[in-house]
Amino acid sequence: MIFLTFGFGLIHGLGFSYVLQEANLKAGNLAIPLVFFNLGVEMGQILIVSAVYPLTVGLSRLMQNSYLYLKRGILVLIAAVGFYWMVERLFFG
């Protein structure tokens, strides 16, 4: 599990480094923007999880039998969007 987490974090970090590269930051002034960029990303993730988690708990209680299929469908959709963005950035960006 730790290797999966490491791999996901590495790919995720490379995607964010692409965004920072587009900002044309100078080498000497990289630390402060990098810290605030990471804080902004983490705060955004906390806000999204805070909004989505209660919804998923409510849905799991409401749709006990079909919740697993809904969850799998949403995960496939999220994976497809992520794969599309990866291909777009690798080959067309």
N, C-alpha and C. Protein backbone atom coordinates (compact mmCIF):
# COMPACT_ATOMS: atom_id res chain seq x y z
N MET A 1 0.82 -1.20 0.00
CA MET A 1 0.00 0.00 0.00
C MET A 1 0.86 1.25 0.00
N ILE A 2 1.98 1.20 0.69
CA ILE A 2 2.83 2.39 0.75
C ILE A 2 3.41 2.74 -0.63
N PHE A 3 3.67 1.73 -1.46
CA PHE A 3 4.21 2.00 -2.79
C PHE A 3 3.14 2.63 -3.69
N LEU A 4 1.90 2.21 -3.53
CA LEU A 4 0.81 2.79 -4.28
C LEU A 4 0.63 4.26 -3.89
N THR A 5 0.68 4.53 -2.61
CA THR A 5 0.56 5.90 -2.13
C THR A 5 1.72 6.76 -2.62
N PHE A 6 2.92 6.20 -2.56
CA PHE A 6 4.09 6.93 -3.04
C PHE A 6 3.97 7.24 -4.53
N GLY A 7 3.56 6.24 -5.31
CA GLY A 7 3.42 6.44 -6.76
C GLY A 7 2.37 7.48 -7.09
N PHE A 8 1.23 7.42 -6.40
CA PHE A 8 0.18 8.41 -6.64
C PHE A 8 0.67 9.80 -6.27
N GLY A 9 1.35 9.93 -5.13
CA GLY A 9 1.87 11.23 -4.72
C GLY A 9 2.90 11.77 -5.69
N LEU A 10 3.73 10.89 -6.23
CA LEU A 10 4.74 11.31 -7.19
C LEU A 10 4.10 11.84 -8.46
N ILE A 11 3.14 11.11 -8.99
CA ILE A 11 2.45 11.56 -10.21
C ILE A 11 1.69 12.85 -9.95
N HIS A 12 1.04 12.92 -8.81
CA HIS A 12 0.29 14.12 -8.43
C HIS A 12 1.23 15.32 -8.33
N GLY A 13 2.37 15.13 -7.69
CA GLY A 13 3.36 16.20 -7.54
C GLY A 13 3.93 16.67 -8.87
N LEU A 14 4.14 15.73 -9.78
CA LEU A 14 4.63 16.11 -11.10
C LEU A 14 3.62 16.98 -11.85
N GLY A 15 2.36 16.67 -11.66
CA GLY A 15 1.32 17.50 -12.28
C GLY A 15 1.33 18.91 -11.73
N PHE A 16 1.50 19.03 -10.41
CA PHE A 16 1.55 20.36 -9.82
C PHE A 16 2.83 21.10 -10.20
N SER A 17 3.91 20.38 -10.39
CA SER A 17 5.16 21.05 -10.78
C SER A 17 5.02 21.65 -12.17
N TYR A 18 4.21 21.04 -13.01
CA TYR A 18 3.95 21.59 -14.34
C TYR A 18 3.28 22.96 -14.23
N VAL A 19 2.33 23.08 -13.30
CA VAL A 19 1.64 24.36 -13.09
C VAL A 19 2.63 25.40 -12.58
N LEU A 20 3.50 25.01 -11.64
CA LEU A 20 4.49 25.96 -11.13
C LEU A 20 5.49 26.37 -12.21
N GLN A 21 5.81 25.45 -13.10
CA GLN A 21 6.74 25.77 -14.19
C GLN A 21 6.14 26.85 -15.09
N GLU A 22 4.84 26.80 -15.31
CA GLU A 22 4.18 27.79 -16.15
C GLU A 22 4.16 29.18 -15.50
N ALA A 23 4.36 29.24 -14.18
CA ALA A 23 4.34 30.51 -13.48
C ALA A 23 5.63 31.30 -13.66
N ASN A 24 6.66 30.68 -14.25
CA ASN A 24 7.95 31.33 -14.52
C ASN A 24 8.56 31.94 -13.26
N LEU A 25 8.62 31.17 -12.19
CA LEU A 25 9.23 31.64 -10.95
C LEU A 25 10.75 31.56 -11.04
N LYS A 26 11.43 32.52 -10.44
CA LYS A 26 12.88 32.51 -10.41
C LYS A 26 13.37 31.55 -9.34
N ALA A 27 14.54 30.98 -9.53
CA ALA A 27 15.07 29.95 -8.63
C ALA A 27 15.21 30.47 -7.20
N GLY A 28 15.60 31.69 -6.99
CA GLY A 28 15.79 32.24 -5.65
C GLY A 28 14.50 32.55 -4.93
N ASN A 29 13.41 32.70 -5.67
CA ASN A 29 12.13 33.07 -5.08
C ASN A 29 11.12 31.93 -5.14
N LEU A 30 11.59 30.71 -5.04
CA LEU A 30 10.71 29.57 -5.22
C LEU A 30 10.08 29.08 -3.92
N ALA A 31 10.74 29.22 -2.79
CA ALA A 31 10.29 28.61 -1.54
C ALA A 31 8.93 29.13 -1.08
N ILE A 32 8.77 30.44 -0.99
CA ILE A 32 7.53 31.01 -0.47
C ILE A 32 6.34 30.70 -1.39
N PRO A 33 6.44 30.91 -2.70
CA PRO A 33 5.31 30.52 -3.56
C PRO A 33 5.00 29.02 -3.49
N LEU A 34 6.02 28.20 -3.36
CA LEU A 34 5.80 26.76 -3.27
C LEU A 34 5.05 26.39 -2.00
N VAL A 35 5.42 26.99 -0.88
CA VAL A 35 4.73 26.72 0.39
C VAL A 35 3.27 27.15 0.30
N PHE A 36 3.01 28.36 -0.21
CA PHE A 36 1.63 28.83 -0.30
C PHE A 36 0.83 28.05 -1.33
N PHE A 37 1.47 27.61 -2.40
CA PHE A 37 0.80 26.77 -3.39
C PHE A 37 0.36 25.47 -2.74
N ASN A 38 1.27 24.82 -1.99
CA ASN A 38 0.93 23.57 -1.33
C ASN A 38 -0.15 23.76 -0.26
N LEU A 39 -0.07 24.85 0.49
CA LEU A 39 -1.11 25.12 1.48
C LEU A 39 -2.48 25.31 0.80
N GLY A 40 -2.48 25.99 -0.31
CA GLY A 40 -3.73 26.18 -1.05
C GLY A 40 -4.30 24.87 -1.57
N VAL A 41 -3.43 24.01 -2.06
CA VAL A 41 -3.87 22.69 -2.55
C VAL A 41 -4.45 21.88 -1.41
N GLU A 42 -3.76 21.85 -0.28
CA GLU A 42 -4.24 21.08 0.87
C GLU A 42 -5.56 21.63 1.40
N MET A 43 -5.69 22.94 1.47
CA MET A 43 -6.94 23.54 1.93
C MET A 43 -8.08 23.21 0.98
N GLY A 44 -7.81 23.23 -0.31
CA GLY A 44 -8.82 22.86 -1.29
C GLY A 44 -9.26 21.42 -1.13
N GLN A 45 -8.31 20.53 -0.89
CA GLN A 45 -8.66 19.12 -0.69
C GLN A 45 -9.48 18.93 0.58
N ILE A 46 -9.13 19.63 1.64
CA ILE A 46 -9.89 19.53 2.89
C ILE A 46 -11.33 20.04 2.68
N LEU A 47 -11.48 21.12 1.95
CA LEU A 47 -12.82 21.65 1.69
C LEU A 47 -13.65 20.67 0.86
N ILE A 48 -13.05 20.06 -0.14
CA ILE A 48 -13.78 19.11 -0.98
C ILE A 48 -14.18 17.88 -0.17
N VAL A 49 -13.25 17.34 0.61
CA VAL A 49 -13.57 16.17 1.43
C VAL A 49 -14.63 16.52 2.46
N SER A 50 -14.55 17.71 3.05
CA SER A 50 -15.54 18.14 4.04
C SER A 50 -16.94 18.23 3.44
N ALA A 51 -17.01 18.59 2.17
CA ALA A 51 -18.32 18.70 1.52
C ALA A 51 -18.83 17.34 1.03
N VAL A 52 -17.94 16.50 0.53
CA VAL A 52 -18.35 15.25 -0.10
C VAL A 52 -18.56 14.12 0.92
N TYR A 53 -17.80 14.09 1.98
CA TYR A 53 -17.89 12.98 2.93
C TYR A 53 -19.30 12.83 3.54
N PRO A 54 -19.90 13.89 4.06
CA PRO A 54 -21.26 13.72 4.60
C PRO A 54 -22.26 13.24 3.54
N LEU A 55 -22.07 13.70 2.32
CA LEU A 55 -22.94 13.27 1.23
C LEU A 55 -22.80 11.77 0.98
N THR A 56 -21.57 11.27 0.96
CA THR A 56 -21.35 9.84 0.71
C THR A 56 -21.88 8.99 1.87
N VAL A 57 -21.73 9.47 3.09
CA VAL A 57 -22.26 8.71 4.24
C VAL A 57 -23.78 8.65 4.14
N GLY A 58 -24.41 9.78 3.81
CA GLY A 58 -25.86 9.80 3.67
C GLY A 58 -26.34 8.90 2.55
N LEU A 59 -25.65 8.93 1.42
CA LEU A 59 -26.03 8.06 0.30
C LEU A 59 -25.84 6.60 0.64
N SER A 60 -24.78 6.26 1.36
CA SER A 60 -24.54 4.86 1.70
C SER A 60 -25.64 4.32 2.62
N ARG A 61 -26.18 5.17 3.46
CA ARG A 61 -27.28 4.74 4.35
C ARG A 61 -28.60 4.66 3.59
N LEU A 62 -28.78 5.59 2.66
CA LEU A 62 -30.04 5.64 1.90
C LEU A 62 -30.12 4.54 0.85
N MET A 63 -29.01 4.27 0.20
CA MET A 63 -28.97 3.31 -0.92
C MET A 63 -28.13 2.09 -0.55
N GLN A 64 -28.46 1.41 0.49
CA GLN A 64 -27.62 0.34 1.02
C GLN A 64 -27.26 -0.70 -0.03
N ASN A 65 -28.20 -1.15 -0.82
CA ASN A 65 -27.94 -2.23 -1.76
C ASN A 65 -27.24 -1.76 -3.04
N SER A 66 -27.58 -0.60 -3.53
CA SER A 66 -27.01 -0.15 -4.81
C SER A 66 -25.88 0.86 -4.64
N TYR A 67 -25.51 1.18 -3.42
CA TYR A 67 -24.47 2.18 -3.19
C TYR A 67 -23.12 1.72 -3.76
N LEU A 68 -22.81 0.44 -3.65
CA LEU A 68 -21.55 -0.08 -4.16
C LEU A 68 -21.42 0.17 -5.66
N TYR A 69 -22.51 -0.05 -6.41
CA TYR A 69 -22.48 0.17 -7.85
C TYR A 69 -22.34 1.65 -8.19
N LEU A 70 -23.02 2.49 -7.43
CA LEU A 70 -22.90 3.94 -7.63
C LEU A 70 -21.48 4.39 -7.37
N LYS A 71 -20.90 3.90 -6.27
CA LYS A 71 -19.53 4.28 -5.92
C LYS A 71 -18.55 3.84 -7.00
N ARG A 72 -18.69 2.63 -7.48
CA ARG A 72 -17.80 2.15 -8.54
C ARG A 72 -17.95 2.96 -9.82
N GLY A 73 -19.17 3.30 -10.16
CA GLY A 73 -19.41 4.11 -11.35
C GLY A 73 -18.76 5.48 -11.24
N ILE A 74 -18.89 6.10 -10.09
CA ILE A 74 -18.29 7.42 -9.89
C ILE A 74 -16.77 7.32 -9.93
N LEU A 75 -16.21 6.26 -9.34
CA LEU A 75 -14.75 6.09 -9.37
C LEU A 75 -14.24 5.87 -10.79
N VAL A 76 -14.99 5.13 -11.60
CA VAL A 76 -14.60 4.93 -13.00
C VAL A 76 -14.65 6.27 -13.74
N LEU A 77 -15.66 7.06 -13.48
CA LEU A 77 -15.77 8.38 -14.11
C LEU A 77 -14.60 9.28 -13.71
N ILE A 78 -14.26 9.30 -12.44
CA ILE A 78 -13.13 10.10 -11.96
C ILE A 78 -11.82 9.62 -12.61
N ALA A 79 -11.63 8.31 -12.68
CA ALA A 79 -10.42 7.76 -13.31
C ALA A 79 -10.36 8.12 -14.78
N ALA A 80 -11.49 8.09 -15.47
CA ALA A 80 -11.51 8.44 -16.90
C ALA A 80 -11.14 9.90 -17.12
N VAL A 81 -11.66 10.78 -16.28
CA VAL A 81 -11.32 12.21 -16.39
C VAL A 81 -9.83 12.42 -16.12
N GLY A 82 -9.31 11.76 -15.08
CA GLY A 82 -7.89 11.87 -14.77
C GLY A 82 -7.02 11.35 -15.89
N PHE A 83 -7.41 10.23 -16.49
CA PHE A 83 -6.65 9.67 -17.61
C PHE A 83 -6.69 10.61 -18.80
N TYR A 84 -7.84 11.20 -19.07
CA TYR A 84 -7.96 12.17 -20.16
C TYR A 84 -7.02 13.35 -19.94
N TRP A 85 -7.01 13.89 -18.72
CA TRP A 85 -6.12 15.03 -18.43
C TRP A 85 -4.66 14.63 -18.57
N MET A 86 -4.31 13.42 -18.15
CA MET A 86 -2.93 12.97 -18.27
C MET A 86 -2.52 12.87 -19.73
N VAL A 87 -3.36 12.25 -20.55
CA VAL A 87 -3.04 12.11 -21.98
C VAL A 87 -2.97 13.48 -22.63
N GLU A 88 -3.88 14.36 -22.28
CA GLU A 88 -3.88 15.71 -22.85
C GLU A 88 -2.58 16.45 -22.53
N ARG A 89 -2.14 16.36 -21.29
CA ARG A 89 -0.91 17.06 -20.90
C ARG A 89 0.34 16.41 -21.50
N LEU A 90 0.35 15.09 -21.57
CA LEU A 90 1.53 14.40 -22.10
C LEU A 90 1.70 14.60 -23.60
N PHE A 91 0.62 14.56 -24.33
CA PHE A 91 0.72 14.54 -25.79
C PHE A 91 0.26 15.82 -26.49
N PHE A 92 -0.53 16.63 -25.83
CA PHE A 92 -1.07 17.81 -26.50
C PHE A 92 -0.79 19.12 -25.76
N GLY A 93 -0.10 19.05 -24.62
CA GLY A 93 0.07 20.24 -23.80
C GLY A 93 1.42 20.77 -23.88
